[in-house]
Amino acid sequence: MKVSSNVEEERAVATIADLGERGVIELVRSRMPAQWASDSRVRIGVGDDAAVLTTRGDCVLCTDAVVEGVHFRDQWSTGADVGVKLAARNFIDVHVMGGHPTALVVSLTAPADTAVSWVEDFADGLVSECTRAGAVLVGGDTTAGWSLVASATALGDLRGKPAVTRAGAQPGDVLALAGTPGRAAAGLAALMAGAIQHVDATLIAAHTRPQPDYVAAEHAVLAGATAMIDTSDGLLVDLGHIARASSVTIDIEPEALPVNATIAHAAEMLKHDLRSWQYAGGEDHLVAATFPHHDVIPDGFVAIGTVSVGAPEVLVRGEPWVGSAGYEHFR
């Protein structure tokens, strides 16, 4: 089989070629909660040419994808892991714009010899993360291909409030972060080194099945965040997006970055520079936000830097960072 999980025993020998496209769609539909059919936000869900949704005003729309060999490998990720990762990547983008996820549309490209059990797990992962985010899976597409690629489009509701963009940071703002950066990078390093038994399991999960803190993003909006982003490609490169969009200088204080024993131990075991994970490690999906002053920073966030007048760049303790700032596709 092209796709099988080495994380757990294969549950079935059937492939999606045995089901056909309609069968795969019905398989996914059968694993969706029954109550989604009566969700008031959904006029028409899975089964038609397109979904029809009800919104109350401005909406947030985003799309993202996961590709086998780039974002996951079947040696260490189950179908459920991939489903969770795909949905989570989209939902956190909705949240950092100040929105609340309402719906998800998914497209799956897979080889014909993909195990049915993998697709079942994938659907379960999607449903699980949709449920956690308060959204509904309303449709998508399936197609045959040479490798496994899954993409999704998420819709969110701003609930009558203005969007929080990357362009709102102001000189004098405080930069704050919710969570510990570098955990997903540490987990990936352990997986690639074949050393997962030597690091904490939460680091592996941070890479294979991220769980973004949606509540932190909501609290940031309520506290009056002026700009917000999630750390999908790396802390420095993502903060650079805010710096350029807002035309400000962002200066981070390394000693203020949260560190816990698990990531410190992993860095020691794998002989890796901890700071490079924290600065450039992607797929943490932590919420980084700027606030007008310290007093409004919500619980769960830690102040890690400042915003000032200057060239649109990110500095580390007042100096340009000469190492990798994060991941960039095509480079």
C-alpha atoms as a PDB file:
ATOM      1  CA  MET A   1       0.000   0.000   0.000  1.00  0.00           C
ATOM      2  CA  LYS A   2       1.157   3.519  -0.731  1.00  0.00           C
ATOM      3  CA  VAL A   3      -0.008   4.933   2.579  1.00  0.00           C
ATOM      4  CA  SER A   4       0.074   2.879   5.731  1.00  0.00           C
ATOM      5  CA  SER A   5       0.787   3.816   9.310  1.00  0.00           C
ATOM      6  CA  ASN A   6       3.884   2.521  11.013  1.00  0.00           C
ATOM      7  CA  VAL A   7       2.626   4.149  14.203  1.00  0.00           C
ATOM      8  CA  GLU A   8      -0.007   1.487  14.789  1.00  0.00           C
ATOM      9  CA  GLU A   9      -0.915  -1.858  13.249  1.00  0.00           C
ATOM     10  CA  GLU A  10      -2.802  -1.793   9.967  1.00  0.00           C
ATOM     11  CA  ARG A  11      -6.486  -2.313  10.689  1.00  0.00           C
ATOM     12  CA  ALA A  12      -7.617  -3.249   7.221  1.00  0.00           C
ATOM     13  CA  VAL A  13      -6.342  -4.302   3.812  1.00  0.00           C
ATOM     14  CA  ALA A  14      -9.041  -2.495   1.823  1.00  0.00           C
ATOM     15  CA  THR A  15      -7.951   0.497  -0.258  1.00  0.00           C
ATOM     16  CA  ILE A  16      -9.881   3.498  -1.531  1.00  0.00           C
ATOM     17  CA  ALA A  17      -9.802   1.922  -4.983  1.00  0.00           C
ATOM     18  CA  ASP A  18     -12.265  -0.614  -3.543  1.00  0.00           C
ATOM     19  CA  LEU A  19     -14.603   2.215  -2.493  1.00  0.00           C
ATOM     20  CA  GLY A  20     -14.381   4.617  -5.419  1.00  0.00           C
ATOM     21  CA  GLU A  21     -14.823   8.378  -5.117  1.00  0.00           C
ATOM     22  CA  ARG A  22     -18.446   8.261  -3.990  1.00  0.00           C
ATOM     23  CA  GLY A  23     -17.610   5.634  -1.437  1.00  0.00           C
ATOM     24  CA  VAL A  24     -14.813   7.766   0.020  1.00  0.00           C
ATOM     25  CA  ILE A  25     -17.139  10.757   0.287  1.00  0.00           C
ATOM     26  CA  GLU A  26     -19.779   8.648   2.021  1.00  0.00           C
ATOM     27  CA  LEU A  27     -17.125   7.257   4.354  1.00  0.00           C
ATOM     28  CA  VAL A  28     -16.184  10.777   5.466  1.00  0.00           C
ATOM     29  CA  ARG A  29     -19.828  11.818   5.765  1.00  0.00           C
ATOM     30  CA  SER A  30     -20.597   8.765   7.935  1.00  0.00           C
ATOM     31  CA  ARG A  31     -18.006   9.851  10.484  1.00  0.00           C
ATOM     32  CA  MET A  32     -19.452  13.339  10.939  1.00  0.00           C
ATOM     33  CA  PRO A  33     -21.580  14.044  14.059  1.00  0.00           C
ATOM     34  CA  ALA A  34     -25.313  13.802  13.416  1.00  0.00           C
ATOM     35  CA  GLN A  35     -25.956  17.192  15.033  1.00  0.00           C
ATOM     36  CA  TRP A  36     -24.013  18.954  12.279  1.00  0.00           C
ATOM     37  CA  ALA A  37     -26.952  18.316   9.944  1.00  0.00           C
ATOM     38  CA  SER A  38     -29.105  20.656  12.049  1.00  0.00           C
ATOM     39  CA  ASP A  39     -26.465  23.349  12.711  1.00  0.00           C
ATOM     40  CA  SER A  40     -28.182  26.720  12.217  1.00  0.00           C
ATOM     41  CA  ARG A  41     -25.149  28.133  10.394  1.00  0.00           C
ATOM     42  CA  VAL A  42     -25.410  25.523   7.633  1.00  0.00           C
ATOM     43  CA  ARG A  43     -28.234  25.770   5.090  1.00  0.00           C
ATOM     44  CA  ILE A  44     -26.763  23.116   2.763  1.00  0.00           C
ATOM     45  CA  GLY A  45     -23.873  20.900   3.814  1.00  0.00           C
ATOM     46  CA  VAL A  46     -22.122  17.856   2.371  1.00  0.00           C
ATOM     47  CA  GLY A  47     -23.642  16.281  -0.720  1.00  0.00           C
ATOM     48  CA  ASP A  48     -24.339  19.114  -3.159  1.00  0.00           C
ATOM     49  CA  ASP A  49     -22.162  21.054  -5.622  1.00  0.00           C
ATOM     50  CA  ALA A  50     -21.350  23.576  -2.898  1.00  0.00           C
ATOM     51  CA  ALA A  51     -22.266  24.379   0.675  1.00  0.00           C
ATOM     52  CA  VAL A  52     -24.567  27.243   1.665  1.00  0.00           C
ATOM     53  CA  LEU A  53     -23.845  29.003   4.947  1.00  0.00           C
ATOM     54  CA  THR A  54     -25.520  31.753   6.930  1.00  0.00           C
ATOM     55  CA  THR A  55     -23.333  34.612   8.183  1.00  0.00           C
ATOM     56  CA  ARG A  56     -24.126  37.706  10.213  1.00  0.00           C
ATOM     57  CA  GLY A  57     -21.686  40.113   8.588  1.00  0.00           C
ATOM     58  CA  ASP A  58     -18.039  40.182   7.608  1.00  0.00           C
ATOM     59  CA  CYS A  59     -16.368  36.798   7.439  1.00  0.00           C
ATOM     60  CA  VAL A  60     -12.786  35.535   7.502  1.00  0.00           C
ATOM     61  CA  LEU A  61     -11.650  33.136   4.768  1.00  0.00           C
ATOM     62  CA  CYS A  62      -8.316  31.293   4.634  1.00  0.00           C
ATOM     63  CA  THR A  63      -6.775  28.220   3.059  1.00  0.00           C
ATOM     64  CA  ASP A  64      -3.837  25.953   3.843  1.00  0.00           C
ATOM     65  CA  ALA A  65      -2.499  22.550   2.842  1.00  0.00           C
ATOM     66  CA  VAL A  66      -0.418  19.647   4.109  1.00  0.00           C
ATOM     67  CA  VAL A  67       1.769  17.615   1.762  1.00  0.00           C
ATOM     68  CA  GLU A  68       3.269  14.190   2.380  1.00  0.00           C
ATOM     69  CA  GLY A  69       7.029  14.505   2.728  1.00  0.00           C
ATOM     70  CA  VAL A  70       6.820  18.238   3.476  1.00  0.00           C
ATOM     71  CA  HIS A  71       4.435  18.566   6.428  1.00  0.00           C
ATOM     72  CA  PHE A  72       4.172  14.945   7.530  1.00  0.00           C
ATOM     73  CA  ARG A  73       5.525  11.467   6.900  1.00  0.00           C
ATOM     74  CA  ASP A  74       3.490   8.293   7.163  1.00  0.00           C
ATOM     75  CA  GLN A  75       6.297   6.725   9.227  1.00  0.00           C
ATOM     76  CA  TRP A  76       5.360   8.887  12.189  1.00  0.00           C
ATOM     77  CA  SER A  77       1.959  10.459  11.503  1.00  0.00           C
ATOM     78  CA  THR A  78      -1.387   8.671  11.506  1.00  0.00           C
ATOM     79  CA  GLY A  79      -4.284   9.721   9.310  1.00  0.00           C
ATOM     80  CA  ALA A  80      -5.893  11.295  12.376  1.00  0.00           C
ATOM     81  CA  ASP A  81      -2.735  13.336  13.022  1.00  0.00           C
ATOM     82  CA  VAL A  82      -2.863  14.678   9.468  1.00  0.00           C
ATOM     83  CA  GLY A  83      -6.552  15.543   9.745  1.00  0.00           C
ATOM     84  CA  VAL A  84      -6.016  17.422  13.001  1.00  0.00           C
ATOM     85  CA  LYS A  85      -2.961  19.257  11.644  1.00  0.00           C
ATOM     86  CA  LEU A  86      -4.772  20.349   8.483  1.00  0.00           C
ATOM     87  CA  ALA A  87      -7.808  21.693  10.325  1.00  0.00           C
ATOM     88  CA  ALA A  88      -5.765  23.325  13.084  1.00  0.00           C
ATOM     89  CA  ARG A  89      -3.530  25.200  10.620  1.00  0.00           C
ATOM     90  CA  ASN A  90      -6.614  26.810   9.126  1.00  0.00           C
ATOM     91  CA  PHE A  91      -8.554  27.496  12.307  1.00  0.00           C
ATOM     92  CA  ILE A  92      -5.698  29.307  14.058  1.00  0.00           C
ATOM     93  CA  ASP A  93      -5.400  31.601  11.017  1.00  0.00           C
ATOM     94  CA  VAL A  94      -9.081  32.474  11.436  1.00  0.00           C
ATOM     95  CA  HIS A  95      -8.591  33.135  15.151  1.00  0.00           C
ATOM     96  CA  VAL A  96      -5.574  35.429  14.817  1.00  0.00           C
ATOM     97  CA  MET A  97      -7.649  37.594  12.472  1.00  0.00           C
ATOM     98  CA  GLY A  98     -10.146  37.954  15.298  1.00  0.00           C
ATOM     99  CA  GLY A  99     -12.630  35.487  13.850  1.00  0.00           C
ATOM    100  CA  HIS A 100     -14.420  32.430  15.175  1.00  0.00           C
ATOM    101  CA  PRO A 101     -14.282  29.325  12.911  1.00  0.00           C
ATOM    102  CA  THR A 102     -17.637  28.256  11.515  1.00  0.00           C
ATOM    103  CA  ALA A 103     -16.977  25.880   8.610  1.00  0.00           C
ATOM    104  CA  LEU A 104     -14.296  23.868   6.832  1.00  0.00           C
ATOM    105  CA  VAL A 105     -14.090  22.547   3.259  1.00  0.00           C
ATOM    106  CA  VAL A 106     -11.452  19.879   2.548  1.00  0.00           C
ATOM    107  CA  SER A 107      -9.863  18.533  -0.634  1.00  0.00           C
ATOM    108  CA  LEU A 108      -7.986  15.225  -0.506  1.00  0.00           C
ATOM    109  CA  THR A 109      -5.672  13.954  -3.238  1.00  0.00           C
ATOM    110  CA  ALA A 110      -4.504  10.386  -2.647  1.00  0.00           C
ATOM    111  CA  PRO A 111      -3.094   7.369  -4.499  1.00  0.00           C
ATOM    112  CA  ALA A 112      -5.633   4.643  -5.291  1.00  0.00           C
ATOM    113  CA  ASP A 113      -3.850   2.173  -3.009  1.00  0.00           C
ATOM    114  CA  THR A 114      -4.323   4.381   0.065  1.00  0.00           C
ATOM    115  CA  ALA A 115      -5.731   2.299   2.913  1.00  0.00           C
ATOM    116  CA  VAL A 116      -9.387   2.866   3.747  1.00  0.00           C
ATOM    117  CA  SER A 117      -8.391   2.816   7.407  1.00  0.00           C
ATOM    118  CA  TRP A 118      -6.111   5.813   6.795  1.00  0.00           C
ATOM    119  CA  VAL A 119      -8.997   7.825   5.318  1.00  0.00           C
ATOM    120  CA  GLU A 120     -11.221   6.840   8.246  1.00  0.00           C
ATOM    121  CA  ASP A 121      -8.589   8.137  10.645  1.00  0.00           C
ATOM    122  CA  PHE A 122      -8.112  11.288   8.563  1.00  0.00           C
ATOM    123  CA  ALA A 123     -11.848  12.010   8.722  1.00  0.00           C
ATOM    124  CA  ASP A 124     -11.871  11.393  12.474  1.00  0.00           C
ATOM    125  CA  GLY A 125      -9.007  13.871  12.892  1.00  0.00           C
ATOM    126  CA  LEU A 126     -10.862  16.505  10.897  1.00  0.00           C
ATOM    127  CA  VAL A 127     -14.039  15.987  12.916  1.00  0.00           C
ATOM    128  CA  SER A 128     -12.131  16.100  16.193  1.00  0.00           C
ATOM    129  CA  GLU A 129     -10.475  19.438  15.444  1.00  0.00           C
ATOM    130  CA  CYS A 130     -13.640  20.921  13.957  1.00  0.00           C
ATOM    131  CA  THR A 131     -15.418  20.029  17.181  1.00  0.00           C
ATOM    132  CA  ARG A 132     -12.646  21.567  19.304  1.00  0.00           C
ATOM    133  CA  ALA A 133     -12.791  24.772  17.268  1.00  0.00           C
ATOM    134  CA  GLY A 134     -16.596  24.952  17.166  1.00  0.00           C
ATOM    135  CA  ALA A 135     -16.767  24.558  13.380  1.00  0.00           C
ATOM    136  CA  VAL A 136     -18.561  22.213  10.972  1.00  0.00           C
ATOM    137  CA  LEU A 137     -17.116  20.208   8.072  1.00  0.00           C
ATOM    138  CA  VAL A 138     -19.397  21.115   5.154  1.00  0.00           C
ATOM    139  CA  GLY A 139     -17.866  19.469   2.092  1.00  0.00           C
ATOM    140  CA  GLY A 140     -14.880  19.218  -0.200  1.00  0.00           C
ATOM    141  CA  ASP A 141     -13.457  17.098  -2.985  1.00  0.00           C
ATOM    142  CA  THR A 142     -11.491  13.911  -3.566  1.00  0.00           C
ATOM    143  CA  THR A 143      -9.200  13.085  -6.459  1.00  0.00           C
ATOM    144  CA  ALA A 144      -6.592  10.483  -7.363  1.00  0.00           C
ATOM    145  CA  GLY A 145      -2.939  11.517  -7.459  1.00  0.00           C
ATOM    146  CA  TRP A 146       0.632  10.282  -7.147  1.00  0.00           C
ATOM    147  CA  SER A 147       1.125  11.462  -3.577  1.00  0.00           C
ATOM    148  CA  LEU A 148      -0.964  12.449  -0.602  1.00  0.00           C
ATOM    149  CA  VAL A 149      -1.982  16.114  -0.466  1.00  0.00           C
ATOM    150  CA  ALA A 150      -4.778  17.541   1.659  1.00  0.00           C
ATOM    151  CA  SER A 151      -5.908  21.151   1.545  1.00  0.00           C
ATOM    152  CA  ALA A 152      -8.652  22.977   3.374  1.00  0.00           C
ATOM    153  CA  THR A 153     -10.476  26.276   3.333  1.00  0.00           C
ATOM    154  CA  ALA A 154     -11.864  27.644   6.584  1.00  0.00           C
ATOM    155  CA  LEU A 155     -14.592  30.217   7.093  1.00  0.00           C
ATOM    156  CA  GLY A 156     -14.865  32.334  10.219  1.00  0.00           C
ATOM    157  CA  ASP A 157     -17.257  34.890  11.665  1.00  0.00           C
ATOM    158  CA  LEU A 158     -15.998  38.253  12.979  1.00  0.00           C
ATOM    159  CA  ARG A 159     -19.249  38.672  14.933  1.00  0.00           C
ATOM    160  CA  GLY A 160     -19.548  42.316  14.052  1.00  0.00           C
ATOM    161  CA  LYS A 161     -16.040  43.278  15.167  1.00  0.00           C
ATOM    162  CA  PRO A 162     -13.190  44.575  12.981  1.00  0.00           C
ATOM    163  CA  ALA A 163     -10.517  42.120  11.903  1.00  0.00           C
ATOM    164  CA  VAL A 164      -7.168  42.130  13.691  1.00  0.00           C
ATOM    165  CA  THR A 165      -4.477  42.402  11.029  1.00  0.00           C
ATOM    166  CA  ARG A 166      -0.686  42.333  10.824  1.00  0.00           C
ATOM    167  CA  ALA A 167      -0.691  46.053  10.039  1.00  0.00           C
ATOM    168  CA  GLY A 168      -1.925  47.416  13.365  1.00  0.00           C
ATOM    169  CA  ALA A 169       1.209  47.378  15.551  1.00  0.00           C
ATOM    170  CA  GLN A 170       2.184  50.843  16.814  1.00  0.00           C
ATOM    171  CA  PRO A 171       5.423  52.270  18.241  1.00  0.00           C
ATOM    172  CA  GLY A 172       5.251  51.864  22.006  1.00  0.00           C
ATOM    173  CA  ASP A 173       3.291  48.602  21.846  1.00  0.00           C
ATOM    174  CA  VAL A 174       4.398  45.555  23.794  1.00  0.00           C
ATOM    175  CA  LEU A 175       4.951  42.235  22.016  1.00  0.00           C
ATOM    176  CA  ALA A 176       3.611  39.179  23.826  1.00  0.00           C
ATOM    177  CA  LEU A 177       3.503  35.448  23.139  1.00  0.00           C
ATOM    178  CA  ALA A 178       1.222  32.661  24.377  1.00  0.00           C
ATOM    179  CA  GLY A 179       3.048  29.327  24.766  1.00  0.00           C
ATOM    180  CA  THR A 180       6.543  27.899  24.533  1.00  0.00           C
ATOM    181  CA  PRO A 181       8.227  28.345  21.138  1.00  0.00           C
ATOM    182  CA  GLY A 182      10.346  25.621  19.543  1.00  0.00           C
ATOM    183  CA  ARG A 183       8.429  22.580  20.786  1.00  0.00           C
ATOM    184  CA  ALA A 184       7.326  21.393  17.336  1.00  0.00           C
ATOM    185  CA  ALA A 185      10.846  21.899  15.967  1.00  0.00           C
ATOM    186  CA  ALA A 186      12.255  19.852  18.844  1.00  0.00           C
ATOM    187  CA  GLY A 187       9.757  17.079  18.133  1.00  0.00           C
ATOM    188  CA  LEU A 188      10.619  17.081  14.428  1.00  0.00           C
ATOM    189  CA  ALA A 189      14.342  16.944  15.221  1.00  0.00           C
ATOM    190  CA  ALA A 190      13.773  13.929  17.472  1.00  0.00           C
ATOM    191  CA  LEU A 191      11.712  12.177  14.795  1.00  0.00           C
ATOM    192  CA  MET A 192      14.322  12.788  12.112  1.00  0.00           C
ATOM    193  CA  ALA A 193      17.087  11.581  14.424  1.00  0.00           C
ATOM    194  CA  GLY A 194      15.152   8.434  15.377  1.00  0.00           C
ATOM    195  CA  ALA A 195      15.377   9.504  19.005  1.00  0.00           C
ATOM    196  CA  ILE A 196      11.745   9.845  20.064  1.00  0.00           C
ATOM    197  CA  GLN A 197      12.363   7.585  23.066  1.00  0.00           C
ATOM    198  CA  HIS A 198      14.785  10.176  24.446  1.00  0.00           C
ATOM    199  CA  VAL A 199      12.443  13.175  24.462  1.00  0.00           C
ATOM    200  CA  ASP A 200       9.109  13.985  26.040  1.00  0.00           C
ATOM    201  CA  ALA A 201       6.110  12.721  24.066  1.00  0.00           C
ATOM    202  CA  THR A 202       4.505  16.176  24.157  1.00  0.00           C
ATOM    203  CA  LEU A 203       7.242  17.471  21.846  1.00  0.00           C
ATOM    204  CA  ILE A 204       6.493  14.763  19.280  1.00  0.00           C
ATOM    205  CA  ALA A 205       2.784  15.584  19.499  1.00  0.00           C
ATOM    206  CA  ALA A 206       3.524  19.296  19.034  1.00  0.00           C
ATOM    207  CA  HIS A 207       4.797  18.457  15.551  1.00  0.00           C
ATOM    208  CA  THR A 208       2.526  15.590  14.505  1.00  0.00           C
ATOM    209  CA  ARG A 209      -0.742  16.874  16.009  1.00  0.00           C
ATOM    210  CA  PRO A 210      -0.592  20.581  16.913  1.00  0.00           C
ATOM    211  CA  GLN A 211      -3.249  21.963  19.235  1.00  0.00           C
ATOM    212  CA  PRO A 212      -3.268  25.759  18.810  1.00  0.00           C
ATOM    213  CA  ASP A 213      -4.548  27.812  21.708  1.00  0.00           C
ATOM    214  CA  TYR A 214      -7.711  29.255  20.184  1.00  0.00           C
ATOM    215  CA  VAL A 215      -8.780  30.697  23.546  1.00  0.00           C
ATOM    216  CA  ALA A 216      -5.548  32.705  23.793  1.00  0.00           C
ATOM    217  CA  ALA A 217      -6.364  34.367  20.473  1.00  0.00           C
ATOM    218  CA  GLU A 218      -9.866  35.195  21.693  1.00  0.00           C
ATOM    219  CA  HIS A 219      -8.477  36.715  24.890  1.00  0.00           C
ATOM    220  CA  ALA A 220      -5.981  38.761  22.876  1.00  0.00           C
ATOM    221  CA  VAL A 221      -8.808  40.246  20.818  1.00  0.00           C
ATOM    222  CA  LEU A 222     -10.814  41.098  23.932  1.00  0.00           C
ATOM    223  CA  ALA A 223      -7.726  42.723  25.470  1.00  0.00           C
ATOM    224  CA  GLY A 224      -7.331  45.013  22.476  1.00  0.00           C
ATOM    225  CA  ALA A 225      -4.496  43.414  20.528  1.00  0.00           C
ATOM    226  CA  THR A 226      -3.320  45.814  17.824  1.00  0.00           C
ATOM    227  CA  ALA A 227      -1.778  43.113  15.592  1.00  0.00           C
ATOM    228  CA  MET A 228      -1.679  39.340  15.745  1.00  0.00           C
ATOM    229  CA  ILE A 229      -0.173  36.321  13.957  1.00  0.00           C
ATOM    230  CA  ASP A 230       0.447  32.635  14.591  1.00  0.00           C
ATOM    231  CA  THR A 231       3.952  31.187  14.501  1.00  0.00           C
ATOM    232  CA  SER A 232       3.526  28.736  11.657  1.00  0.00           C
ATOM    233  CA  ASP A 233       6.879  29.249   9.919  1.00  0.00           C
ATOM    234  CA  GLY A 234       9.034  30.421  12.821  1.00  0.00           C
ATOM    235  CA  LEU A 235       8.888  33.168  15.435  1.00  0.00           C
ATOM    236  CA  LEU A 236      11.278  35.607  13.751  1.00  0.00           C
ATOM    237  CA  VAL A 237      10.007  35.199  10.208  1.00  0.00           C
ATOM    238  CA  ASP A 238       6.387  35.552  11.321  1.00  0.00           C
ATOM    239  CA  LEU A 239       7.114  38.601  13.466  1.00  0.00           C
ATOM    240  CA  GLY A 240       8.791  39.986  10.368  1.00  0.00           C
ATOM    241  CA  HIS A 241       5.393  39.938   8.650  1.00  0.00           C
ATOM    242  CA  ILE A 242       4.013  42.215  11.376  1.00  0.00           C
ATOM    243  CA  ALA A 243       7.053  44.485  11.237  1.00  0.00           C
ATOM    244  CA  ARG A 244       6.735  44.987   7.483  1.00  0.00           C
ATOM    245  CA  ALA A 245       2.953  45.326   7.436  1.00  0.00           C
ATOM    246  CA  SER A 246       3.022  47.830  10.315  1.00  0.00           C
ATOM    247  CA  SER A 247       6.233  49.604   9.234  1.00  0.00           C
ATOM    248  CA  VAL A 248       7.803  49.234  12.685  1.00  0.00           C
ATOM    249  CA  THR A 249      10.846  47.710  14.338  1.00  0.00           C
ATOM    250  CA  ILE A 250      10.231  44.746  16.619  1.00  0.00           C
ATOM    251  CA  ASP A 251      12.905  43.921  19.199  1.00  0.00           C
ATOM    252  CA  ILE A 252      12.654  40.667  21.134  1.00  0.00           C
ATOM    253  CA  GLU A 253      14.355  39.840  24.411  1.00  0.00           C
ATOM    254  CA  PRO A 254      15.693  36.238  24.259  1.00  0.00           C
ATOM    255  CA  GLU A 255      15.645  35.747  28.011  1.00  0.00           C
ATOM    256  CA  ALA A 256      11.937  36.505  28.079  1.00  0.00           C
ATOM    257  CA  LEU A 257      11.040  33.604  25.775  1.00  0.00           C
ATOM    258  CA  PRO A 258       9.301  30.823  27.716  1.00  0.00           C
ATOM    259  CA  VAL A 259      11.393  27.659  28.150  1.00  0.00           C
ATOM    260  CA  ASN A 260      10.383  24.438  29.887  1.00  0.00           C
ATOM    261  CA  ALA A 261      12.347  21.407  31.042  1.00  0.00           C
ATOM    262  CA  THR A 262      11.173  19.167  28.184  1.00  0.00           C
ATOM    263  CA  ILE A 263      12.534  21.330  25.377  1.00  0.00           C
ATOM    264  CA  ALA A 264      15.734  22.122  27.296  1.00  0.00           C
ATOM    265  CA  HIS A 265      16.311  18.394  27.832  1.00  0.00           C
ATOM    266  CA  ALA A 266      15.675  17.679  24.143  1.00  0.00           C
ATOM    267  CA  ALA A 267      18.211  20.302  23.088  1.00  0.00           C
ATOM    268  CA  GLU A 268      20.795  18.746  25.383  1.00  0.00           C
ATOM    269  CA  MET A 269      20.064  15.171  24.242  1.00  0.00           C
ATOM    270  CA  LEU A 270      20.071  16.052  20.531  1.00  0.00           C
ATOM    271  CA  LYS A 271      22.996  18.476  20.882  1.00  0.00           C
ATOM    272  CA  HIS A 272      20.974  21.221  19.250  1.00  0.00           C
ATOM    273  CA  ASP A 273      20.926  24.961  19.847  1.00  0.00           C
ATOM    274  CA  LEU A 274      17.775  25.724  21.809  1.00  0.00           C
ATOM    275  CA  ARG A 275      17.582  29.308  20.579  1.00  0.00           C
ATOM    276  CA  SER A 276      17.495  28.270  16.924  1.00  0.00           C
ATOM    277  CA  TRP A 277      14.423  26.147  17.658  1.00  0.00           C
ATOM    278  CA  GLN A 278      12.793  29.070  19.444  1.00  0.00           C
ATOM    279  CA  TYR A 279      13.660  31.668  16.820  1.00  0.00           C
ATOM    280  CA  ALA A 280      13.143  29.671  13.626  1.00  0.00           C
ATOM    281  CA  GLY A 281      11.217  26.517  14.494  1.00  0.00           C
ATOM    282  CA  GLY A 282       7.934  26.336  12.601  1.00  0.00           C
ATOM    283  CA  GLU A 283       4.563  24.691  13.198  1.00  0.00           C
ATOM    284  CA  ASP A 284       4.216  25.783  16.811  1.00  0.00           C
ATOM    285  CA  HIS A 285       1.134  27.815  15.829  1.00  0.00           C
ATOM    286  CA  LEU A 286       1.515  29.962  18.943  1.00  0.00           C
ATOM    287  CA  VAL A 287      -0.315  33.275  19.158  1.00  0.00           C
ATOM    288  CA  ALA A 288       1.953  36.338  18.992  1.00  0.00           C
ATOM    289  CA  ALA A 289       0.287  39.712  19.491  1.00  0.00           C
ATOM    290  CA  THR A 290       1.082  43.347  20.129  1.00  0.00           C
ATOM    291  CA  PHE A 291      -0.726  45.288  22.867  1.00  0.00           C
ATOM    292  CA  PRO A 292      -0.881  49.018  23.685  1.00  0.00           C
ATOM    293  CA  HIS A 293       0.767  48.518  27.095  1.00  0.00           C
ATOM    294  CA  HIS A 294       1.716  45.866  29.658  1.00  0.00           C
ATOM    295  CA  ASP A 295      -1.420  46.291  31.765  1.00  0.00           C
ATOM    296  CA  VAL A 296      -3.737  44.849  29.119  1.00  0.00           C
ATOM    297  CA  ILE A 297      -1.733  41.710  28.292  1.00  0.00           C
ATOM    298  CA  PRO A 298      -4.105  38.816  29.084  1.00  0.00           C
ATOM    299  CA  ASP A 299      -3.296  35.792  31.217  1.00  0.00           C
ATOM    300  CA  GLY A 300      -1.415  33.116  29.326  1.00  0.00           C
ATOM    301  CA  PHE A 301       0.717  35.651  27.442  1.00  0.00           C
ATOM    302  CA  VAL A 302       4.279  36.667  28.297  1.00  0.00           C
ATOM    303  CA  ALA A 303       5.826  39.963  27.200  1.00  0.00           C
ATOM    304  CA  ILE A 304       8.811  39.123  24.972  1.00  0.00           C
ATOM    305  CA  GLY A 305       9.658  42.378  23.222  1.00  0.00           C
ATOM    306  CA  THR A 306       8.858  45.901  22.166  1.00  0.00           C
ATOM    307  CA  VAL A 307       7.643  47.808  19.110  1.00  0.00           C
ATOM    308  CA  SER A 308       9.338  51.041  18.077  1.00  0.00           C
ATOM    309  CA  VAL A 309       9.816  53.510  15.236  1.00  0.00           C
ATOM    310  CA  GLY A 310      12.396  52.311  12.740  1.00  0.00           C
ATOM    311  CA  ALA A 311      13.098  50.124   9.755  1.00  0.00           C
ATOM    312  CA  PRO A 312      10.584  47.273   9.299  1.00  0.00           C
ATOM    313  CA  GLU A 313      12.673  44.483  10.799  1.00  0.00           C
ATOM    314  CA  VAL A 314      12.968  42.119  13.748  1.00  0.00           C
ATOM    315  CA  LEU A 315      15.916  42.510  16.110  1.00  0.00           C
ATOM    316  CA  VAL A 316      17.174  40.240  18.857  1.00  0.00           C
ATOM    317  CA  ARG A 317      18.271  42.333  21.821  1.00  0.00           C
ATOM    318  CA  GLY A 318      18.825  45.283  19.522  1.00  0.00           C
ATOM    319  CA  GLU A 319      20.840  43.432  16.889  1.00  0.00           C
ATOM    320  CA  PRO A 320      19.909  41.760  13.576  1.00  0.00           C
ATOM    321  CA  TRP A 321      19.694  37.974  13.799  1.00  0.00           C
ATOM    322  CA  VAL A 322      22.208  36.357  11.430  1.00  0.00           C
ATOM    323  CA  GLY A 323      20.874  32.783  11.605  1.00  0.00           C
ATOM    324  CA  SER A 324      17.781  31.228  10.095  1.00  0.00           C
ATOM    325  CA  ALA A 325      14.609  33.174  10.856  1.00  0.00           C
ATOM    326  CA  GLY A 326      12.220  30.370   9.880  1.00  0.00           C
ATOM    327  CA  TYR A 327      10.948  28.169   7.103  1.00  0.00           C
ATOM    328  CA  GLU A 328      10.212  29.486   3.621  1.00  0.00           C
ATOM    329  CA  HIS A 329       8.777  27.314   0.843  1.00  0.00           C
ATOM    330  CA  PHE A 330      10.705  27.102  -2.437  1.00  0.00           C
ATOM    331  CA  ARG A 331      13.983  27.982  -0.718  1.00  0.00           C
END
